[in-house]
Amino acid sequence: MDLGDMKNQKVEHKKKEGATYSAFLVCIDCFSRQIWAKPLKQKTQEEVKTKLSQILKENPEKPNVISSDNGQEFQGIVQKYLYKRAITYRYKSVGDVNALGLVDRAIQQLKLKMSEILSTNAEKTWVDVLPDAVKALNSYPKDVLHGAAPRQIRTDPQVRFMLLEDQAKNAETNTKLTQRRTAKLTTEGGFRAPLPESTSKFKRGAQATYGEVKQVASIQGSTVTDSEGGKINIKRVKAVRLNSSDAKGRFGAVNDRLQAKKREQSGLIIEQLCKILEDRDQISLATAAGLLREEMSNYDEVLRATSSRLVDIIRLAPDRLKLVQHGGSGAREYYYVALAE
């Protein structure tokens, strides 16, 4: 779950004078991709708890786990409420931009859908059309759901079975990725963790992305511990040799203005592609472009603005993405894209 910010489009409460809606709470079922959303008068724990309880009452199946970022509005009485209902609460690590990728995309899609509806209903507000936007998204077929719409998953056993198969394959892929990263960390003996400012969607390309080298002390599952006791998820670090030089920006000197500007302009595509690849080993560039167009209404505009192809943008972010070459031996060569290890 997360909050969609609407502070630039505040709406006055129809019954309570002086109260305004400035945000909405969004929950998404990671399995079916079904969305629930409720407008908020305030970003407080009490308000979030009230709206969350309404969403849970509308859901015929109680969730086992609910995740969010570590914002104050999700702590305190919200956590106590979930505990009483025997629902496990988890929050993503600071700077982990992929942990809540699904709900981030749901918020973007809801805002776009509300804008579309409001463009032909000028007399209404976003609060009025939020339920319509939710209904529209839950009724729209998705490739990731084998052509089914989110609202159909609960009653379609065949699609549910195929999705469970997908989950098993993704789990196997993630296990293999973790094993490869563990082996590399063990061999190199050191790693760099991402700097807090490097997770911003708008950062300069000449800015350092990872911090100083830390020595690997131990690796347990998907968590690596450094020699000072710090812990971090293995998927977020970059394995390096202990004698590596000081961290520098990925594109050299600050005066490399062209690459830095392109990296900055392409930031949204890079972030979105990383989210898409979170549960995938690798995908073709054609598939990546199709998914990006589905998730980003301005995808082609960004390409035109940077005078770049998708492959060029991927090459701008070697710290986040990598190209995997296929073909050869007389066959035509082509590329897949994967998360950098």
Protein backbone atom coordinates (compact mmCIF):
# COMPACT_ATOMS: atom_id res chain seq x y z
CA MET A 1 0.00 0.00 0.00
CA ASP A 2 1.03 3.60 -0.54
CA LEU A 3 -0.36 7.11 -0.83
CA GLY A 4 -1.03 9.01 -4.04
CA ASP A 5 -0.32 12.71 -3.54
CA MET A 6 -2.93 15.16 -4.87
CA LYS A 7 -1.86 18.28 -2.98
CA ASN A 8 -1.96 20.31 -6.20
CA GLN A 9 -5.57 19.27 -6.80
CA LYS A 10 -7.12 19.58 -3.34
CA VAL A 11 -10.88 18.99 -3.18
CA GLU A 12 -13.15 20.41 -0.48
CA HIS A 13 -15.18 17.92 1.55
CA LYS A 14 -18.83 18.09 0.49
CA LYS A 15 -20.25 17.63 4.01
CA LYS A 16 -17.53 18.89 6.37
CA GLU A 17 -16.67 22.56 6.02
CA GLY A 18 -12.95 23.34 5.93
CA ALA A 19 -11.91 19.73 5.25
CA THR A 20 -10.18 18.87 2.00
CA TYR A 21 -9.02 15.73 0.22
CA SER A 22 -5.33 15.95 -0.72
CA ALA A 23 -4.28 12.30 -1.20
CA PHE A 24 -5.60 8.79 -1.70
CA LEU A 25 -4.68 5.43 -0.20
CA VAL A 26 -3.93 2.66 -2.71
CA CYS A 27 -3.69 -1.08 -2.09
CA ILE A 28 -2.89 -3.65 -4.76
CA ASP A 29 -3.04 -7.43 -4.68
CA CYS A 30 0.34 -8.54 -6.03
CA PHE A 31 -1.14 -11.80 -7.31
CA SER A 32 -4.19 -10.56 -9.23
CA ARG A 33 -3.08 -6.91 -9.72
CA GLN A 34 -6.51 -5.81 -8.40
CA ILE A 35 -6.52 -2.27 -7.03
CA TRP A 36 -8.42 -0.60 -4.18
CA ALA A 37 -8.26 3.15 -3.50
CA LYS A 38 -9.85 5.59 -1.05
CA PRO A 39 -9.50 9.40 -0.83
CA LEU A 40 -7.89 10.85 2.31
CA LYS A 41 -8.70 14.10 4.08
CA GLN A 42 -5.39 13.95 5.96
CA LYS A 43 -2.18 11.93 5.80
CA THR A 44 -2.56 10.73 9.38
CA GLN A 45 -2.39 7.28 10.94
CA GLU A 46 -6.03 7.50 12.04
CA GLU A 47 -7.24 8.41 8.54
CA VAL A 48 -5.13 5.68 6.91
CA LYS A 49 -6.40 3.11 9.39
CA THR A 50 -10.02 4.10 8.71
CA LYS A 51 -9.65 3.84 4.93
CA LEU A 52 -7.58 0.66 5.14
CA SER A 53 -10.27 -1.00 7.25
CA GLN A 54 -12.84 -0.08 4.58
CA ILE A 55 -10.67 -1.65 1.87
CA LEU A 56 -10.17 -4.83 3.88
CA LYS A 57 -13.93 -5.13 4.41
CA GLU A 58 -14.43 -4.91 0.63
CA ASN A 59 -11.90 -7.69 0.06
CA PRO A 60 -13.44 -11.17 0.50
CA GLU A 61 -10.02 -12.67 1.29
CA LYS A 62 -7.89 -11.41 4.16
CA PRO A 63 -4.30 -10.73 3.02
CA ASN A 64 -1.47 -12.51 4.80
CA VAL A 65 1.04 -9.67 4.37
CA ILE A 66 0.75 -5.93 3.72
CA SER A 67 3.81 -3.91 2.69
CA SER A 68 4.43 -0.17 2.56
CA ASP A 69 7.25 2.32 2.80
CA ASN A 70 8.29 3.45 6.28
CA GLY A 71 6.25 6.66 6.28
CA GLN A 72 4.86 7.82 9.62
CA GLU A 73 1.30 7.47 8.35
CA PHE A 74 1.73 3.66 8.18
CA GLN A 75 3.13 3.22 11.67
CA GLY A 76 1.66 3.36 15.18
CA ILE A 77 -2.06 2.59 15.22
CA VAL A 78 -1.99 1.25 11.64
CA GLN A 79 0.52 -1.44 12.59
CA LYS A 80 -1.43 -2.23 15.76
CA TYR A 81 -4.62 -2.57 13.73
CA LEU A 82 -2.95 -5.03 11.32
CA TYR A 83 -1.45 -6.98 14.24
CA LYS A 84 -4.87 -7.41 15.83
CA ARG A 85 -6.17 -8.74 12.52
CA ALA A 86 -3.25 -11.21 12.31
CA ILE A 87 -1.87 -9.53 9.17
CA THR A 88 1.91 -9.34 8.89
CA TYR A 89 3.22 -5.84 8.16
CA ARG A 90 6.44 -5.19 6.29
CA TYR A 91 8.06 -1.98 5.10
CA LYS A 92 10.58 -1.54 2.34
CA SER A 93 14.16 -0.52 3.04
CA VAL A 94 15.07 3.13 2.59
CA GLY A 95 16.15 3.67 -1.01
CA ASP A 96 14.77 0.37 -2.32
CA VAL A 97 12.97 1.81 -5.35
CA ASN A 98 11.83 -1.59 -6.63
CA ALA A 99 10.28 -2.98 -3.45
CA LEU A 100 6.88 -1.35 -4.04
CA GLY A 101 7.03 -1.10 -7.82
CA LEU A 102 3.52 -2.49 -8.33
CA VAL A 103 1.78 0.05 -6.12
CA ASP A 104 3.89 2.89 -7.59
CA ARG A 105 2.70 1.91 -11.05
CA ALA A 106 -0.89 1.62 -9.81
CA ILE A 107 -0.74 5.21 -8.53
CA GLN A 108 0.61 6.44 -11.88
CA GLN A 109 -2.09 4.56 -13.77
CA LEU A 110 -4.85 5.86 -11.48
CA LYS A 111 -3.73 9.45 -11.95
CA LEU A 112 -3.64 9.02 -15.74
CA LYS A 113 -7.06 7.36 -15.81
CA MET A 114 -8.57 10.08 -13.59
CA SER A 115 -7.13 12.73 -15.93
CA GLU A 116 -8.70 10.98 -18.92
CA ILE A 117 -12.12 10.82 -17.24
CA LEU A 118 -11.94 14.44 -16.02
CA SER A 119 -11.07 15.68 -19.51
CA THR A 120 -14.65 14.90 -20.54
CA ASN A 121 -16.27 15.62 -17.15
CA ALA A 122 -15.08 19.10 -16.21
CA GLU A 123 -17.73 19.53 -13.51
CA LYS A 124 -16.38 16.59 -11.48
CA THR A 125 -13.33 16.29 -9.21
CA TRP A 126 -10.73 13.55 -8.84
CA VAL A 127 -12.54 12.39 -5.69
CA ASP A 128 -15.70 11.86 -7.75
CA VAL A 129 -13.99 9.83 -10.47
CA LEU A 130 -11.53 7.81 -8.34
CA PRO A 131 -13.98 4.85 -8.06
CA ASP A 132 -14.49 4.91 -11.85
CA ALA A 133 -10.73 4.90 -12.44
CA VAL A 134 -10.32 1.92 -10.09
CA LYS A 135 -13.11 0.02 -11.83
CA ALA A 136 -11.64 0.72 -15.27
CA LEU A 137 -8.16 -0.51 -14.32
CA ASN A 138 -9.54 -3.63 -12.64
CA SER A 139 -11.52 -4.42 -15.80
CA TYR A 140 -8.62 -3.96 -18.25
CA PRO A 141 -6.92 -7.18 -19.51
CA LYS A 142 -3.18 -7.46 -18.81
CA ASP A 143 -0.52 -9.50 -20.58
CA VAL A 144 1.06 -10.42 -17.24
CA LEU A 145 -2.29 -12.01 -16.26
CA HIS A 146 -2.40 -14.10 -19.47
CA GLY A 147 -4.94 -11.76 -21.03
CA ALA A 148 -7.31 -11.71 -18.06
CA ALA A 149 -8.47 -8.64 -16.15
CA PRO A 150 -7.62 -8.30 -12.43
CA ARG A 151 -11.27 -8.65 -11.38
CA GLN A 152 -11.50 -12.02 -13.18
CA ILE A 153 -8.59 -13.74 -11.42
CA ARG A 154 -10.46 -14.70 -8.26
CA THR A 155 -13.09 -16.68 -10.20
CA ASP A 156 -10.95 -18.14 -13.00
CA PRO A 157 -9.14 -21.29 -11.77
CA GLN A 158 -7.27 -21.79 -15.06
CA VAL A 159 -5.66 -18.35 -14.96
CA ARG A 160 -4.92 -18.72 -11.25
CA PHE A 161 -3.09 -21.97 -12.00
CA MET A 162 -1.01 -20.31 -14.74
CA LEU A 163 -0.15 -17.43 -12.42
CA LEU A 164 0.98 -19.87 -9.74
CA GLU A 165 3.23 -21.50 -12.34
CA ASP A 166 4.63 -18.05 -13.17
CA GLN A 167 5.36 -17.43 -9.50
CA ALA A 168 7.24 -20.73 -9.23
CA LYS A 169 9.38 -19.81 -12.26
CA ASN A 170 10.07 -16.33 -10.85
CA ALA A 171 11.07 -17.84 -7.50
CA GLU A 172 13.48 -20.18 -9.29
CA THR A 173 14.94 -17.25 -11.25
CA ASN A 174 15.37 -15.17 -8.09
CA THR A 175 17.11 -18.09 -6.37
CA LYS A 176 19.57 -18.41 -9.25
CA LEU A 177 20.23 -14.65 -9.25
CA THR A 178 20.89 -14.71 -5.50
CA GLN A 179 23.27 -17.64 -5.92
CA ARG A 180 25.20 -15.82 -8.65
CA ARG A 181 25.39 -12.63 -6.59
CA THR A 182 26.49 -14.59 -3.52
CA ALA A 183 29.24 -16.30 -5.51
CA LYS A 184 30.47 -12.99 -6.92
CA LEU A 185 30.48 -11.29 -3.51
CA THR A 186 32.39 -14.22 -2.03
CA THR A 187 34.97 -14.09 -4.84
CA GLU A 188 35.46 -10.31 -4.83
CA GLY A 189 35.32 -9.91 -1.04
CA GLY A 190 33.84 -6.42 -1.15
CA PHE A 191 30.81 -4.43 -2.28
CA ARG A 192 29.43 -0.95 -2.68
CA ALA A 193 25.95 -0.01 -1.43
CA PRO A 194 23.84 2.63 -3.23
CA LEU A 195 24.08 6.13 -1.82
CA PRO A 196 20.80 7.50 -0.39
CA GLU A 197 20.67 10.31 -2.95
CA SER A 198 21.24 7.88 -5.83
CA THR A 199 17.66 6.57 -5.54
CA SER A 200 16.18 9.90 -6.62
CA LYS A 201 14.32 9.71 -9.92
CA PHE A 202 16.08 12.90 -11.03
CA LYS A 203 19.81 12.72 -10.39
CA ARG A 204 22.71 13.89 -12.48
CA GLY A 205 24.55 11.26 -14.45
CA ALA A 206 27.96 12.42 -13.22
CA GLN A 207 26.89 11.93 -9.62
CA ALA A 208 28.29 8.94 -7.74
CA THR A 209 25.74 6.13 -7.55
CA TYR A 210 27.43 3.80 -5.04
CA GLY A 211 29.35 4.51 -1.85
CA GLU A 212 32.77 3.40 -0.65
CA VAL A 213 33.92 -0.21 -0.66
CA LYS A 214 32.81 -2.33 2.29
CA GLN A 215 34.23 -5.72 3.24
CA VAL A 216 31.95 -8.75 3.15
CA ALA A 217 31.72 -10.32 6.62
CA SER A 218 28.94 -12.84 5.98
CA ILE A 219 26.05 -13.65 3.68
CA GLN A 220 22.83 -15.15 5.01
CA GLY A 221 20.14 -15.84 2.42
CA SER A 222 19.58 -12.58 0.56
CA THR A 223 21.29 -10.38 3.19
CA VAL A 224 24.95 -9.39 3.15
CA THR A 225 26.65 -8.07 6.32
CA ASP A 226 29.74 -5.86 6.16
CA SER A 227 32.68 -5.87 8.58
CA GLU A 228 31.07 -3.05 10.61
CA GLY A 229 27.81 -4.95 11.12
CA GLY A 230 25.75 -3.12 8.49
CA LYS A 231 23.18 -5.24 6.66
CA ILE A 232 21.68 -4.78 3.20
CA ASN A 233 19.75 -6.82 0.67
CA ILE A 234 22.11 -8.57 -1.72
CA LYS A 235 20.18 -7.40 -4.79
CA ARG A 236 20.99 -3.76 -4.02
CA VAL A 237 24.78 -4.00 -3.81
CA LYS A 238 27.50 -4.08 -6.43
CA ALA A 239 30.26 -6.64 -5.86
CA VAL A 240 33.77 -5.14 -6.20
CA ARG A 241 37.32 -5.99 -5.18
CA LEU A 242 38.44 -4.71 -1.80
CA ASN A 243 41.23 -2.64 -3.39
CA SER A 244 38.87 -0.84 -5.80
CA SER A 245 39.46 2.88 -6.27
CA ASP A 246 37.27 5.57 -4.72
CA ALA A 247 33.69 5.78 -5.98
CA LYS A 248 33.18 8.17 -8.85
CA GLY A 249 30.27 9.12 -11.06
CA ARG A 250 29.45 6.55 -13.67
CA PHE A 251 30.16 8.92 -16.52
CA GLY A 252 33.52 10.29 -15.43
CA ALA A 253 34.09 14.02 -15.05
CA VAL A 254 31.28 16.45 -14.42
CA ASN A 255 32.05 18.23 -17.69
CA ASP A 256 30.70 15.26 -19.64
CA ARG A 257 27.49 17.29 -19.98
CA LEU A 258 25.82 15.47 -22.85
CA GLN A 259 25.74 12.04 -21.23
CA ALA A 260 24.81 13.53 -17.86
CA LYS A 261 21.87 15.39 -19.42
CA LYS A 262 20.65 12.31 -21.29
CA ARG A 263 20.85 10.20 -18.12
CA GLU A 264 18.80 12.80 -16.25
CA GLN A 265 16.17 13.06 -18.99
CA SER A 266 15.95 9.27 -19.27
CA GLY A 267 15.61 8.72 -15.52
CA LEU A 268 11.92 7.77 -15.63
CA ILE A 269 12.51 5.12 -18.30
CA ILE A 270 15.45 3.67 -16.36
CA GLU A 271 13.44 3.52 -13.11
CA GLN A 272 10.38 2.01 -14.81
CA LEU A 273 12.47 -0.61 -16.63
CA CYS A 274 14.13 -1.61 -13.35
CA LYS A 275 10.70 -2.13 -11.79
CA ILE A 276 9.56 -4.22 -14.77
CA LEU A 277 12.67 -6.42 -14.46
CA GLU A 278 12.32 -6.93 -10.72
CA ASP A 279 10.66 -10.34 -11.12
CA ARG A 280 12.20 -11.26 -14.47
CA ASP A 281 15.58 -12.69 -15.42
CA GLN A 282 15.83 -10.91 -18.77
CA ILE A 283 13.51 -9.74 -21.54
CA SER A 284 14.00 -8.75 -25.17
CA LEU A 285 14.25 -5.07 -26.05
CA ALA A 286 11.03 -5.37 -28.06
CA THR A 287 9.19 -6.75 -25.03
CA ALA A 288 10.74 -4.08 -22.80
CA ALA A 289 9.63 -1.31 -25.16
CA GLY A 290 6.08 -2.70 -25.26
CA LEU A 291 5.82 -2.89 -21.46
CA LEU A 292 7.27 0.61 -21.07
CA ARG A 293 4.70 2.02 -23.50
CA GLU A 294 1.98 0.30 -21.48
CA GLU A 295 3.22 1.80 -18.20
CA MET A 296 4.39 5.23 -19.44
CA SER A 297 2.18 7.48 -21.55
CA ASN A 298 5.20 9.71 -22.32
CA TYR A 299 7.65 6.91 -23.24
CA ASP A 300 8.02 7.93 -26.91
CA GLU A 301 8.26 11.61 -25.93
CA VAL A 302 11.25 10.85 -23.69
CA LEU A 303 12.96 8.97 -26.51
CA ARG A 304 12.43 11.90 -28.87
CA ALA A 305 13.60 14.43 -26.28
CA THR A 306 16.87 12.56 -25.78
CA SER A 307 17.27 11.56 -29.45
CA SER A 308 17.90 8.05 -28.16
CA ARG A 309 16.79 4.49 -28.69
CA LEU A 310 15.95 2.23 -25.77
CA VAL A 311 19.29 0.42 -26.17
CA ASP A 312 21.11 3.78 -25.86
CA ILE A 313 19.28 4.60 -22.62
CA ILE A 314 20.12 1.18 -21.17
CA ARG A 315 23.81 1.83 -21.91
CA LEU A 316 23.56 5.09 -19.95
CA ALA A 317 22.83 3.13 -16.75
CA PRO A 318 25.39 0.30 -16.43
CA ASP A 319 24.98 0.50 -12.66
CA ARG A 320 21.30 -0.46 -12.98
CA LEU A 321 20.91 -2.36 -16.25
CA LYS A 322 22.90 -4.59 -18.56
CA LEU A 323 22.55 -5.78 -22.15
CA VAL A 324 22.71 -9.52 -22.80
CA GLN A 325 23.75 -10.46 -26.32
CA HIS A 326 22.04 -13.35 -28.11
CA GLY A 327 22.64 -14.85 -31.52
CA GLY A 328 26.05 -14.93 -33.19
CA SER A 329 27.81 -17.72 -35.13
CA GLY A 330 26.38 -16.45 -38.38
CA ALA A 331 22.97 -15.64 -36.94
CA ARG A 332 21.77 -12.10 -36.50
CA GLU A 333 22.83 -10.67 -33.13
CA TYR A 334 20.20 -9.15 -30.87
CA TYR A 335 19.96 -8.00 -27.26
CA TYR A 336 17.99 -8.73 -24.13
CA VAL A 337 18.03 -6.48 -21.07
CA ALA A 338 18.48 -7.56 -17.44
CA LEU A 339 19.17 -5.95 -14.06
CA ALA A 340 22.86 -5.37 -13.43
CA GLU A 341 24.16 -7.82 -10.84
